[in-house]
Amino acid sequence: MLSFLIRRVTTDTEVRSVSTGLEAMELINEKEFDLYILDIWLPDIDGIKLCRAIRGGGSQKPILFLTAAVTAVDQHDAFDAGATMFLKKPFDIARIPKIVQNYLQN
């Protein structure tokens, strides 16, 4: 149940890991990130609500879901909330750096 907020800083990349939606919202209110990796299952608010809040704040940055919540409804809700990509667990973790790199280059 972790989510990651990623931001390019000159030639470096800042990765912030949060375990609750409220933690994520606090960081997002401080600065915009270049990429969001969310889980649907967070202890306080679900990732769908967090995604809607990010989009509601005007961000058009990519939002990826990495989640074990794999029903068609979960996937539909994620895309309806503004998700860019939806990856179901289990997945090949080795794919993540390439996916992140591709989104950060755009």
PDB file of N, CA and C in Angstrom:
ATOM      1  N   MET A   1       0.814  -1.182   0.000  1.00  0.00           N
ATOM      2  CA  MET A   1       0.000   0.000   0.000  1.00  0.00           C
ATOM      3  C   MET A   1       0.860   1.249   0.000  1.00  0.00           C
ATOM      4  N   LEU A   2       1.741   1.363  -0.953  1.00  0.00           N
ATOM      5  CA  LEU A   2       2.559   2.560  -1.086  1.00  0.00           C
ATOM      6  C   LEU A   2       2.229   3.244  -2.390  1.00  0.00           C
ATOM      7  N   SER A   3       2.371   4.537  -2.411  1.00  0.00           N
ATOM      8  CA  SER A   3       2.264   5.303  -3.630  1.00  0.00           C
ATOM      9  C   SER A   3       3.542   6.100  -3.768  1.00  0.00           C
ATOM     10  N   PHE A   4       3.877   6.431  -4.995  1.00  0.00           N
ATOM     11  CA  PHE A   4       5.119   7.141  -5.260  1.00  0.00           C
ATOM     12  C   PHE A   4       4.832   8.402  -6.057  1.00  0.00           C
ATOM     13  N   LEU A   5       5.499   9.474  -5.681  1.00  0.00           N
ATOM     14  CA  LEU A   5       5.399  10.741  -6.367  1.00  0.00           C
ATOM     15  C   LEU A   5       6.788  11.034  -6.919  1.00  0.00           C
ATOM     16  N   ILE A   6       6.892  11.295  -8.206  1.00  0.00           N
ATOM     17  CA  ILE A   6       8.196  11.423  -8.854  1.00  0.00           C
ATOM     18  C   ILE A   6       8.292  12.791  -9.510  1.00  0.00           C
ATOM     19  N   ARG A   7       9.450  13.429  -9.310  1.00  0.00           N
ATOM     20  CA  ARG A   7       9.660  14.759  -9.871  1.00  0.00           C
ATOM     21  C   ARG A   7      11.076  14.855 -10.394  1.00  0.00           C
ATOM     22  N   ARG A   8      11.218  15.392 -11.606  1.00  0.00           N
ATOM     23  CA  ARG A   8      12.543  15.635 -12.158  1.00  0.00           C
ATOM     24  C   ARG A   8      13.101  16.918 -11.554  1.00  0.00           C
ATOM     25  N   VAL A   9      14.327  16.860 -11.104  1.00  0.00           N
ATOM     26  CA  VAL A   9      15.005  18.025 -10.551  1.00  0.00           C
ATOM     27  C   VAL A   9      16.325  18.126 -11.292  1.00  0.00           C
ATOM     28  N   THR A  10      16.412  19.072 -12.223  1.00  0.00           N
ATOM     29  CA  THR A  10      17.544  19.189 -13.144  1.00  0.00           C
ATOM     30  C   THR A  10      17.848  17.809 -13.728  1.00  0.00           C
ATOM     31  N   THR A  11      19.035  17.261 -13.456  1.00  0.00           N
ATOM     32  CA  THR A  11      19.373  15.959 -14.021  1.00  0.00           C
ATOM     33  C   THR A  11      19.058  14.813 -13.062  1.00  0.00           C
ATOM     34  N   ASP A  12      18.608  15.133 -11.864  1.00  0.00           N
ATOM     35  CA  ASP A  12      18.274  14.108 -10.879  1.00  0.00           C
ATOM     36  C   ASP A  12      16.774  13.864 -10.860  1.00  0.00           C
ATOM     37  N   THR A  13      16.394  12.802 -10.206  1.00  0.00           N
ATOM     38  CA  THR A  13      14.980  12.482 -10.053  1.00  0.00           C
ATOM     39  C   THR A  13      14.682  12.316  -8.575  1.00  0.00           C
ATOM     40  N   GLU A  14      13.678  13.039  -8.098  1.00  0.00           N
ATOM     41  CA  GLU A  14      13.242  12.933  -6.711  1.00  0.00           C
ATOM     42  C   GLU A  14      12.076  11.955  -6.659  1.00  0.00           C
ATOM     43  N   VAL A  15      12.189  10.948  -5.816  1.00  0.00           N
ATOM     44  CA  VAL A  15      11.112   9.980  -5.633  1.00  0.00           C
ATOM     45  C   VAL A  15      10.665  10.059  -4.184  1.00  0.00           C
ATOM     46  N   ARG A  16       9.392  10.317  -3.984  1.00  0.00           N
ATOM     47  CA  ARG A  16       8.826  10.375  -2.641  1.00  0.00           C
ATOM     48  C   ARG A  16       7.843   9.234  -2.487  1.00  0.00           C
ATOM     49  N   SER A  17       7.992   8.489  -1.435  1.00  0.00           N
ATOM     50  CA  SER A  17       7.111   7.370  -1.137  1.00  0.00           C
ATOM     51  C   SER A  17       6.185   7.766   0.002  1.00  0.00           C
ATOM     52  N   VAL A  18       4.903   7.489  -0.165  1.00  0.00           N
ATOM     53  CA  VAL A  18       3.924   7.795   0.875  1.00  0.00           C
ATOM     54  C   VAL A  18       3.066   6.554   1.118  1.00  0.00           C
ATOM     55  N   SER A  19       2.550   6.434   2.321  1.00  0.00           N
ATOM     56  CA  SER A  19       1.726   5.273   2.638  1.00  0.00           C
ATOM     57  C   SER A  19       0.255   5.632   2.829  1.00  0.00           C
ATOM     58  N   THR A  20      -0.062   6.927   2.783  1.00  0.00           N
ATOM     59  CA  THR A  20      -1.462   7.333   2.891  1.00  0.00           C
ATOM     60  C   THR A  20      -1.772   8.386   1.835  1.00  0.00           C
ATOM     61  N   GLY A  21      -3.041   8.498   1.514  1.00  0.00           N
ATOM     62  CA  GLY A  21      -3.468   9.524   0.583  1.00  0.00           C
ATOM     63  C   GLY A  21      -3.277  10.922   1.139  1.00  0.00           C
ATOM     64  N   LEU A  22      -3.462  11.077   2.447  1.00  0.00           N
ATOM     65  CA  LEU A  22      -3.274  12.392   3.060  1.00  0.00           C
ATOM     66  C   LEU A  22      -1.822  12.860   2.970  1.00  0.00           C
ATOM     67  N   GLU A  23      -0.889  11.927   3.167  1.00  0.00           N
ATOM     68  CA  GLU A  23       0.529  12.269   3.001  1.00  0.00           C
ATOM     69  C   GLU A  23       0.786  12.735   1.573  1.00  0.00           C
ATOM     70  N   ALA A  24       0.216  12.018   0.625  1.00  0.00           N
ATOM     71  CA  ALA A  24       0.388  12.386  -0.779  1.00  0.00           C
ATOM     72  C   ALA A  24      -0.163  13.781  -1.039  1.00  0.00           C
ATOM     73  N   MET A  25      -1.365  14.070  -0.545  1.00  0.00           N
ATOM     74  CA  MET A  25      -1.976  15.368  -0.781  1.00  0.00           C
ATOM     75  C   MET A  25      -1.149  16.504  -0.169  1.00  0.00           C
ATOM     76  N   GLU A  26      -0.555  16.273   0.996  1.00  0.00           N
ATOM     77  CA  GLU A  26       0.295  17.296   1.607  1.00  0.00           C
ATOM     78  C   GLU A  26       1.476  17.624   0.702  1.00  0.00           C
ATOM     79  N   LEU A  27       2.122  16.584   0.166  1.00  0.00           N
ATOM     80  CA  LEU A  27       3.265  16.807  -0.725  1.00  0.00           C
ATOM     81  C   LEU A  27       2.837  17.471  -2.028  1.00  0.00           C
ATOM     82  N   ILE A  28       1.708  17.026  -2.564  1.00  0.00           N
ATOM     83  CA  ILE A  28       1.216  17.579  -3.829  1.00  0.00           C
ATOM     84  C   ILE A  28       0.844  19.042  -3.667  1.00  0.00           C
ATOM     85  N   ASN A  29       0.351  19.405  -2.505  1.00  0.00           N
ATOM     86  CA  ASN A  29       0.018  20.813  -2.251  1.00  0.00           C
ATOM     87  C   ASN A  29       1.266  21.686  -2.170  1.00  0.00           C
ATOM     88  N   GLU A  30       2.413  21.074  -1.836  1.00  0.00           N
ATOM     89  CA  GLU A  30       3.670  21.817  -1.754  1.00  0.00           C
ATOM     90  C   GLU A  30       4.292  22.049  -3.124  1.00  0.00           C
ATOM     91  N   LYS A  31       4.182  21.054  -4.007  1.00  0.00           N
ATOM     92  CA  LYS A  31       4.794  21.150  -5.338  1.00  0.00           C
ATOM     93  C   LYS A  31       4.153  20.130  -6.269  1.00  0.00           C
ATOM     94  N   GLU A  32       4.272  20.413  -7.552  1.00  0.00           N
ATOM     95  CA  GLU A  32       3.742  19.467  -8.530  1.00  0.00           C
ATOM     96  C   GLU A  32       4.809  18.429  -8.856  1.00  0.00           C
ATOM     97  N   PHE A  33       4.383  17.217  -9.042  1.00  0.00           N
ATOM     98  CA  PHE A  33       5.274  16.143  -9.437  1.00  0.00           C
ATOM     99  C   PHE A  33       5.084  15.841 -10.912  1.00  0.00           C
ATOM    100  N   ASP A  34       6.062  15.192 -11.519  1.00  0.00           N
ATOM    101  CA  ASP A  34       6.012  14.889 -12.951  1.00  0.00           C
ATOM    102  C   ASP A  34       5.334  13.562 -13.251  1.00  0.00           C
ATOM    103  N   LEU A  35       5.179  12.727 -12.233  1.00  0.00           N
ATOM    104  CA  LEU A  35       4.583  11.412 -12.418  1.00  0.00           C
ATOM    105  C   LEU A  35       4.063  10.926 -11.081  1.00  0.00           C
ATOM    106  N   TYR A  36       2.899  10.301 -11.109  1.00  0.00           N
ATOM    107  CA  TYR A  36       2.292   9.760  -9.894  1.00  0.00           C
ATOM    108  C   TYR A  36       2.073   8.263 -10.097  1.00  0.00           C
ATOM    109  N   ILE A  37       2.529   7.457  -9.145  1.00  0.00           N
ATOM    110  CA  ILE A  37       2.269   6.019  -9.159  1.00  0.00           C
ATOM    111  C   ILE A  37       1.436   5.722  -7.927  1.00  0.00           C
ATOM    112  N   LEU A  38       0.201   5.295  -8.148  1.00  0.00           N
ATOM    113  CA  LEU A  38      -0.748   5.129  -7.055  1.00  0.00           C
ATOM    114  C   LEU A  38      -1.209   3.686  -6.919  1.00  0.00           C
ATOM    115  N   ASP A  39      -1.576   3.331  -5.710  1.00  0.00           N
ATOM    116  CA  ASP A  39      -2.261   2.072  -5.432  1.00  0.00           C
ATOM    117  C   ASP A  39      -3.713   2.437  -5.146  1.00  0.00           C
ATOM    118  N   ILE A  40      -4.636   1.579  -5.504  1.00  0.00           N
ATOM    119  CA  ILE A  40      -6.037   1.856  -5.187  1.00  0.00           C
ATOM    120  C   ILE A  40      -6.260   1.756  -3.689  1.00  0.00           C
ATOM    121  N   TRP A  41      -5.630   0.765  -3.059  1.00  0.00           N
ATOM    122  CA  TRP A  41      -5.873   0.521  -1.643  1.00  0.00           C
ATOM    123  C   TRP A  41      -4.907   1.314  -0.775  1.00  0.00           C
ATOM    124  N   LEU A  42      -5.380   2.426  -0.245  1.00  0.00           N
ATOM    125  CA  LEU A  42      -4.639   3.213   0.729  1.00  0.00           C
ATOM    126  C   LEU A  42      -5.470   3.248   2.001  1.00  0.00           C
ATOM    127  N   PRO A  43      -4.838   3.404   3.165  1.00  0.00           N
ATOM    128  CA  PRO A  43      -5.590   3.261   4.416  1.00  0.00           C
ATOM    129  C   PRO A  43      -6.608   4.363   4.711  1.00  0.00           C
ATOM    130  N   ASP A  44      -6.428   5.543   4.149  1.00  0.00           N
ATOM    131  CA  ASP A  44      -7.342   6.634   4.498  1.00  0.00           C
ATOM    132  C   ASP A  44      -8.302   6.988   3.362  1.00  0.00           C
ATOM    133  N   ILE A  45      -7.770   7.349   2.214  1.00  0.00           N
ATOM    134  CA  ILE A  45      -8.613   7.553   1.040  1.00  0.00           C
ATOM    135  C   ILE A  45      -8.089   6.644  -0.052  1.00  0.00           C
ATOM    136  N   ASP A  46      -8.953   6.175  -0.916  1.00  0.00           N
ATOM    137  CA  ASP A  46      -8.456   5.258  -1.937  1.00  0.00           C
ATOM    138  C   ASP A  46      -7.764   6.023  -3.061  1.00  0.00           C
ATOM    139  N   GLY A  47      -6.982   5.283  -3.830  1.00  0.00           N
ATOM    140  CA  GLY A  47      -6.212   5.890  -4.909  1.00  0.00           C
ATOM    141  C   GLY A  47      -7.070   6.552  -5.972  1.00  0.00           C
ATOM    142  N   ILE A  48      -8.298   6.060  -6.158  1.00  0.00           N
ATOM    143  CA  ILE A  48      -9.210   6.669  -7.129  1.00  0.00           C
ATOM    144  C   ILE A  48      -9.532   8.107  -6.703  1.00  0.00           C
ATOM    145  N   LYS A  49      -9.855   8.285  -5.424  1.00  0.00           N
ATOM    146  CA  LYS A  49     -10.145   9.633  -4.916  1.00  0.00           C
ATOM    147  C   LYS A  49      -8.907  10.520  -5.005  1.00  0.00           C
ATOM    148  N   LEU A  50      -7.741   9.949  -4.724  1.00  0.00           N
ATOM    149  CA  LEU A  50      -6.498  10.705  -4.825  1.00  0.00           C
ATOM    150  C   LEU A  50      -6.263  11.130  -6.271  1.00  0.00           C
ATOM    151  N   CYS A  51      -6.498  10.232  -7.201  1.00  0.00           N
ATOM    152  CA  CYS A  51      -6.348  10.537  -8.623  1.00  0.00           C
ATOM    153  C   CYS A  51      -7.282  11.674  -9.024  1.00  0.00           C
ATOM    154  N   ARG A  52      -8.542  11.601  -8.581  1.00  0.00           N
ATOM    155  CA  ARG A  52      -9.514  12.670  -8.884  1.00  0.00           C
ATOM    156  C   ARG A  52      -9.047  14.015  -8.296  1.00  0.00           C
ATOM    157  N   ALA A  53      -8.469  13.972  -7.101  1.00  0.00           N
ATOM    158  CA  ALA A  53      -7.977  15.201  -6.472  1.00  0.00           C
ATOM    159  C   ALA A  53      -6.809  15.787  -7.263  1.00  0.00           C
ATOM    160  N   ILE A  54      -5.919  14.937  -7.736  1.00  0.00           N
ATOM    161  CA  ILE A  54      -4.779  15.403  -8.533  1.00  0.00           C
ATOM    162  C   ILE A  54      -5.290  16.059  -9.808  1.00  0.00           C
ATOM    163  N   ARG A  55      -6.200  15.393 -10.492  1.00  0.00           N
ATOM    164  CA  ARG A  55      -6.769  15.953 -11.724  1.00  0.00           C
ATOM    165  C   ARG A  55      -7.598  17.201 -11.426  1.00  0.00           C
ATOM    166  N   GLY A  56      -8.322  17.195 -10.318  1.00  0.00           N
ATOM    167  CA  GLY A  56      -9.124  18.351  -9.930  1.00  0.00           C
ATOM    168  C   GLY A  56      -8.277  19.577  -9.642  1.00  0.00           C
ATOM    169  N   GLY A  57      -7.024  19.345  -9.237  1.00  0.00           N
ATOM    170  CA  GLY A  57      -6.094  20.442  -8.993  1.00  0.00           C
ATOM    171  C   GLY A  57      -5.469  20.987 -10.265  1.00  0.00           C
ATOM    172  N   GLY A  58      -5.817  20.384 -11.396  1.00  0.00           N
ATOM    173  CA  GLY A  58      -5.343  20.881 -12.684  1.00  0.00           C
ATOM    174  C   GLY A  58      -4.156  20.154 -13.275  1.00  0.00           C
ATOM    175  N   SER A  59      -3.603  19.174 -12.573  1.00  0.00           N
ATOM    176  CA  SER A  59      -2.432  18.467 -13.096  1.00  0.00           C
ATOM    177  C   SER A  59      -2.810  17.568 -14.273  1.00  0.00           C
ATOM    178  N   GLN A  60      -2.004  17.655 -15.312  1.00  0.00           N
ATOM    179  CA  GLN A  60      -2.155  16.780 -16.474  1.00  0.00           C
ATOM    180  C   GLN A  60      -1.001  15.771 -16.547  1.00  0.00           C
ATOM    181  N   LYS A  61      -0.228  15.694 -15.467  1.00  0.00           N
ATOM    182  CA  LYS A  61       0.916  14.770 -15.426  1.00  0.00           C
ATOM    183  C   LYS A  61       0.412  13.336 -15.404  1.00  0.00           C
ATOM    184  N   PRO A  62       1.235  12.382 -15.871  1.00  0.00           N
ATOM    185  CA  PRO A  62       0.802  10.982 -15.909  1.00  0.00           C
ATOM    186  C   PRO A  62       0.524  10.417 -14.514  1.00  0.00           C
ATOM    187  N   ILE A  63      -0.528   9.622 -14.434  1.00  0.00           N
ATOM    188  CA  ILE A  63      -0.887   8.911 -13.207  1.00  0.00           C
ATOM    189  C   ILE A  63      -0.993   7.435 -13.545  1.00  0.00           C
ATOM    190  N   LEU A  64      -0.116   6.637 -12.935  1.00  0.00           N
ATOM    191  CA  LEU A  64      -0.103   5.195 -13.147  1.00  0.00           C
ATOM    192  C   LEU A  64      -0.653   4.515 -11.914  1.00  0.00           C
ATOM    193  N   PHE A  65      -1.456   3.504 -12.123  1.00  0.00           N
ATOM    194  CA  PHE A  65      -1.922   2.681 -11.016  1.00  0.00           C
ATOM    195  C   PHE A  65      -1.173   1.368 -11.046  1.00  0.00           C
ATOM    196  N   LEU A  66      -0.617   0.976  -9.911  1.00  0.00           N
ATOM    197  CA  LEU A  66       0.006  -0.321  -9.668  1.00  0.00           C
ATOM    198  C   LEU A  66      -0.786  -0.926  -8.539  1.00  0.00           C
ATOM    199  N   THR A  67      -1.597  -1.921  -8.819  1.00  0.00           N
ATOM    200  CA  THR A  67      -2.529  -2.363  -7.794  1.00  0.00           C
ATOM    201  C   THR A  67      -2.916  -3.821  -7.947  1.00  0.00           C
ATOM    202  N   ALA A  68      -3.293  -4.404  -6.840  1.00  0.00           N
ATOM    203  CA  ALA A  68      -3.843  -5.758  -6.844  1.00  0.00           C
ATOM    204  C   ALA A  68      -5.352  -5.720  -7.015  1.00  0.00           C
ATOM    205  N   ALA A  69      -5.936  -4.535  -7.003  1.00  0.00           N
ATOM    206  CA  ALA A  69      -7.373  -4.378  -7.237  1.00  0.00           C
ATOM    207  C   ALA A  69      -7.582  -4.514  -8.744  1.00  0.00           C
ATOM    208  N   VAL A  70      -8.008  -5.669  -9.169  1.00  0.00           N
ATOM    209  CA  VAL A  70      -7.960  -5.976 -10.597  1.00  0.00           C
ATOM    210  C   VAL A  70      -9.316  -6.209 -11.254  1.00  0.00           C
ATOM    211  N   THR A  71     -10.369  -5.775 -10.627  1.00  0.00           N
ATOM    212  CA  THR A  71     -11.660  -5.968 -11.270  1.00  0.00           C
ATOM    213  C   THR A  71     -11.813  -4.980 -12.422  1.00  0.00           C
ATOM    214  N   ALA A  72     -12.696  -5.295 -13.323  1.00  0.00           N
ATOM    215  CA  ALA A  72     -12.975  -4.397 -14.441  1.00  0.00           C
ATOM    216  C   ALA A  72     -13.503  -3.059 -13.922  1.00  0.00           C
ATOM    217  N   VAL A  73     -14.266  -3.096 -12.834  1.00  0.00           N
ATOM    218  CA  VAL A  73     -14.795  -1.860 -12.238  1.00  0.00           C
ATOM    219  C   VAL A  73     -13.648  -0.998 -11.709  1.00  0.00           C
ATOM    220  N   ASP A  74     -12.673  -1.612 -11.019  1.00  0.00           N
ATOM    221  CA  ASP A  74     -11.518  -0.864 -10.516  1.00  0.00           C
ATOM    222  C   ASP A  74     -10.779  -0.182 -11.664  1.00  0.00           C
ATOM    223  N   GLN A  75     -10.537  -0.931 -12.716  1.00  0.00           N
ATOM    224  CA  GLN A  75      -9.811  -0.385 -13.860  1.00  0.00           C
ATOM    225  C   GLN A  75     -10.625   0.740 -14.513  1.00  0.00           C
ATOM    226  N   HIS A  76     -11.897   0.532 -14.709  1.00  0.00           N
ATOM    227  CA  HIS A  76     -12.763   1.563 -15.281  1.00  0.00           C
ATOM    228  C   HIS A  76     -12.757   2.816 -14.416  1.00  0.00           C
ATOM    229  N   ASP A  77     -12.903   2.636 -13.108  1.00  0.00           N
ATOM    230  CA  ASP A  77     -12.923   3.774 -12.184  1.00  0.00           C
ATOM    231  C   ASP A  77     -11.610   4.556 -12.223  1.00  0.00           C
ATOM    232  N   ALA A  78     -10.490   3.828 -12.324  1.00  0.00           N
ATOM    233  CA  ALA A  78      -9.181   4.489 -12.383  1.00  0.00           C
ATOM    234  C   ALA A  78      -9.073   5.357 -13.637  1.00  0.00           C
ATOM    235  N   PHE A  79      -9.453   4.810 -14.787  1.00  0.00           N
ATOM    236  CA  PHE A  79      -9.381   5.593 -16.020  1.00  0.00           C
ATOM    237  C   PHE A  79     -10.391   6.735 -16.008  1.00  0.00           C
ATOM    238  N   ASP A  80     -11.556   6.496 -15.444  1.00  0.00           N
ATOM    239  CA  ASP A  80     -12.571   7.543 -15.328  1.00  0.00           C
ATOM    240  C   ASP A  80     -12.081   8.697 -14.443  1.00  0.00           C
ATOM    241  N   ALA A  81     -11.263   8.369 -13.449  1.00  0.00           N
ATOM    242  CA  ALA A  81     -10.717   9.388 -12.545  1.00  0.00           C
ATOM    243  C   ALA A  81      -9.558  10.163 -13.167  1.00  0.00           C
ATOM    244  N   GLY A  82      -9.016   9.645 -14.281  1.00  0.00           N
ATOM    245  CA  GLY A  82      -7.929  10.352 -14.952  1.00  0.00           C
ATOM    246  C   GLY A  82      -6.627   9.593 -15.047  1.00  0.00           C
ATOM    247  N   ALA A  83      -6.641   8.298 -14.746  1.00  0.00           N
ATOM    248  CA  ALA A  83      -5.410   7.498 -14.834  1.00  0.00           C
ATOM    249  C   ALA A  83      -4.891   7.453 -16.266  1.00  0.00           C
ATOM    250  N   THR A  84      -3.580   7.387 -16.376  1.00  0.00           N
ATOM    251  CA  THR A  84      -2.916   7.267 -17.664  1.00  0.00           C
ATOM    252  C   THR A  84      -2.649   5.803 -18.000  1.00  0.00           C
ATOM    253  N   MET A  85      -2.334   5.007 -16.971  1.00  0.00           N
ATOM    254  CA  MET A  85      -1.973   3.598 -17.160  1.00  0.00           C
ATOM    255  C   MET A  85      -2.413   2.816 -15.937  1.00  0.00           C
ATOM    256  N   PHE A  86      -2.731   1.543 -16.133  1.00  0.00           N
ATOM    257  CA  PHE A  86      -3.191   0.685 -15.053  1.00  0.00           C
ATOM    258  C   PHE A  86      -2.440  -0.639 -15.156  1.00  0.00           C
ATOM    259  N   LEU A  87      -1.604  -0.944 -14.167  1.00  0.00           N
ATOM    260  CA  LEU A  87      -0.848  -2.195 -14.128  1.00  0.00           C
ATOM    261  C   LEU A  87      -1.369  -3.051 -12.991  1.00  0.00           C
ATOM    262  N   LYS A  88      -1.619  -4.305 -13.287  1.00  0.00           N
ATOM    263  CA  LYS A  88      -2.155  -5.226 -12.291  1.00  0.00           C
ATOM    264  C   LYS A  88      -1.031  -6.017 -11.640  1.00  0.00           C
ATOM    265  N   LYS A  89      -1.100  -6.139 -10.313  1.00  0.00           N
ATOM    266  CA  LYS A  89      -0.161  -7.002  -9.585  1.00  0.00           C
ATOM    267  C   LYS A  89      -0.672  -8.434  -9.685  1.00  0.00           C
ATOM    268  N   PRO A  90       0.183  -9.406  -9.760  1.00  0.00           N
ATOM    269  CA  PRO A  90       1.644  -9.291  -9.858  1.00  0.00           C
ATOM    270  C   PRO A  90       2.058  -8.878 -11.272  1.00  0.00           C
ATOM    271  N   PHE A  91       3.188  -8.231 -11.363  1.00  0.00           N
ATOM    272  CA  PHE A  91       3.722  -7.793 -12.643  1.00  0.00           C
ATOM    273  C   PHE A  91       5.239  -7.890 -12.576  1.00  0.00           C
ATOM    274  N   ASP A  92       5.869  -7.759 -13.714  1.00  0.00           N
ATOM    275  CA  ASP A  92       7.326  -7.826 -13.787  1.00  0.00           C
ATOM    276  C   ASP A  92       7.899  -6.487 -13.338  1.00  0.00           C
ATOM    277  N   ILE A  93       8.432  -6.451 -12.139  1.00  0.00           N
ATOM    278  CA  ILE A  93       8.953  -5.216 -11.548  1.00  0.00           C
ATOM    279  C   ILE A  93      10.061  -4.603 -12.413  1.00  0.00           C
ATOM    280  N   ALA A  94      10.727  -5.410 -13.195  1.00  0.00           N
ATOM    281  CA  ALA A  94      11.798  -4.913 -14.046  1.00  0.00           C
ATOM    282  C   ALA A  94      11.273  -3.954 -15.115  1.00  0.00           C
ATOM    283  N   ARG A  95       9.969  -3.967 -15.378  1.00  0.00           N
ATOM    284  CA  ARG A  95       9.366  -3.065 -16.370  1.00  0.00           C
ATOM    285  C   ARG A  95       9.225  -1.636 -15.847  1.00  0.00           C
ATOM    286  N   ILE A  96       9.161  -1.480 -14.540  1.00  0.00           N
ATOM    287  CA  ILE A  96       8.855  -0.173 -13.959  1.00  0.00           C
ATOM    288  C   ILE A  96       9.860   0.922 -14.341  1.00  0.00           C
ATOM    289  N   PRO A  97      11.179   0.708 -14.230  1.00  0.00           N
ATOM    290  CA  PRO A  97      12.099   1.798 -14.599  1.00  0.00           C
ATOM    291  C   PRO A  97      11.904   2.277 -16.041  1.00  0.00           C
ATOM    292  N   LYS A  98      11.672   1.372 -16.964  1.00  0.00           N
ATOM    293  CA  LYS A  98      11.480   1.755 -18.365  1.00  0.00           C
ATOM    294  C   LYS A  98      10.178   2.540 -18.535  1.00  0.00           C
ATOM    295  N   ILE A  99       9.113   2.106 -17.870  1.00  0.00           N
ATOM    296  CA  ILE A  99       7.843   2.821 -17.938  1.00  0.00           C
ATOM    297  C   ILE A  99       7.997   4.227 -17.378  1.00  0.00           C
ATOM    298  N   VAL A 100       8.650   4.337 -16.223  1.00  0.00           N
ATOM    299  CA  VAL A 100       8.862   5.650 -15.598  1.00  0.00           C
ATOM    300  C   VAL A 100       9.694   6.530 -16.522  1.00  0.00           C
ATOM    301  N   GLN A 101      10.767   5.986 -17.043  1.00  0.00           N
ATOM    302  CA  GLN A 101      11.651   6.747 -17.936  1.00  0.00           C
ATOM    303  C   GLN A 101      10.876   7.260 -19.150  1.00  0.00           C
ATOM    304  N   ASN A 102      10.049   6.407 -19.736  1.00  0.00           N
ATOM    305  CA  ASN A 102       9.272   6.827 -20.915  1.00  0.00           C
ATOM    306  C   ASN A 102       8.340   7.985 -20.580  1.00  0.00           C
ATOM    307  N   TYR A 103       7.674   7.934 -19.449  1.00  0.00           N
ATOM    308  CA  TYR A 103       6.766   9.018 -19.072  1.00  0.00           C
ATOM    309  C   TYR A 103       7.509  10.296 -18.710  1.00  0.00           C
ATOM    310  N   LEU A 104       8.667  10.183 -18.097  1.00  0.00           N
ATOM    311  CA  LEU A 104       9.423  11.376 -17.725  1.00  0.00           C
ATOM    312  C   LEU A 104      10.056  12.065 -18.933  1.00  0.00           C
ATOM    313  N   GLN A 105      10.290  11.335 -20.007  1.00  0.00           N
ATOM    314  CA  GLN A 105      10.881  11.928 -21.214  1.00  0.00           C
ATOM    315  C   GLN A 105       9.862  12.689 -22.031  1.00  0.00           C
ATOM    316  N   ASN A 106       8.597  12.411 -21.837  1.00  0.00           N
ATOM    317  CA  ASN A 106       7.548  13.084 -22.632  1.00  0.00           C
ATOM    318  C   ASN A 106       7.181  14.414 -22.056  1.00  0.00           C
TER     319      ASN A 106
END
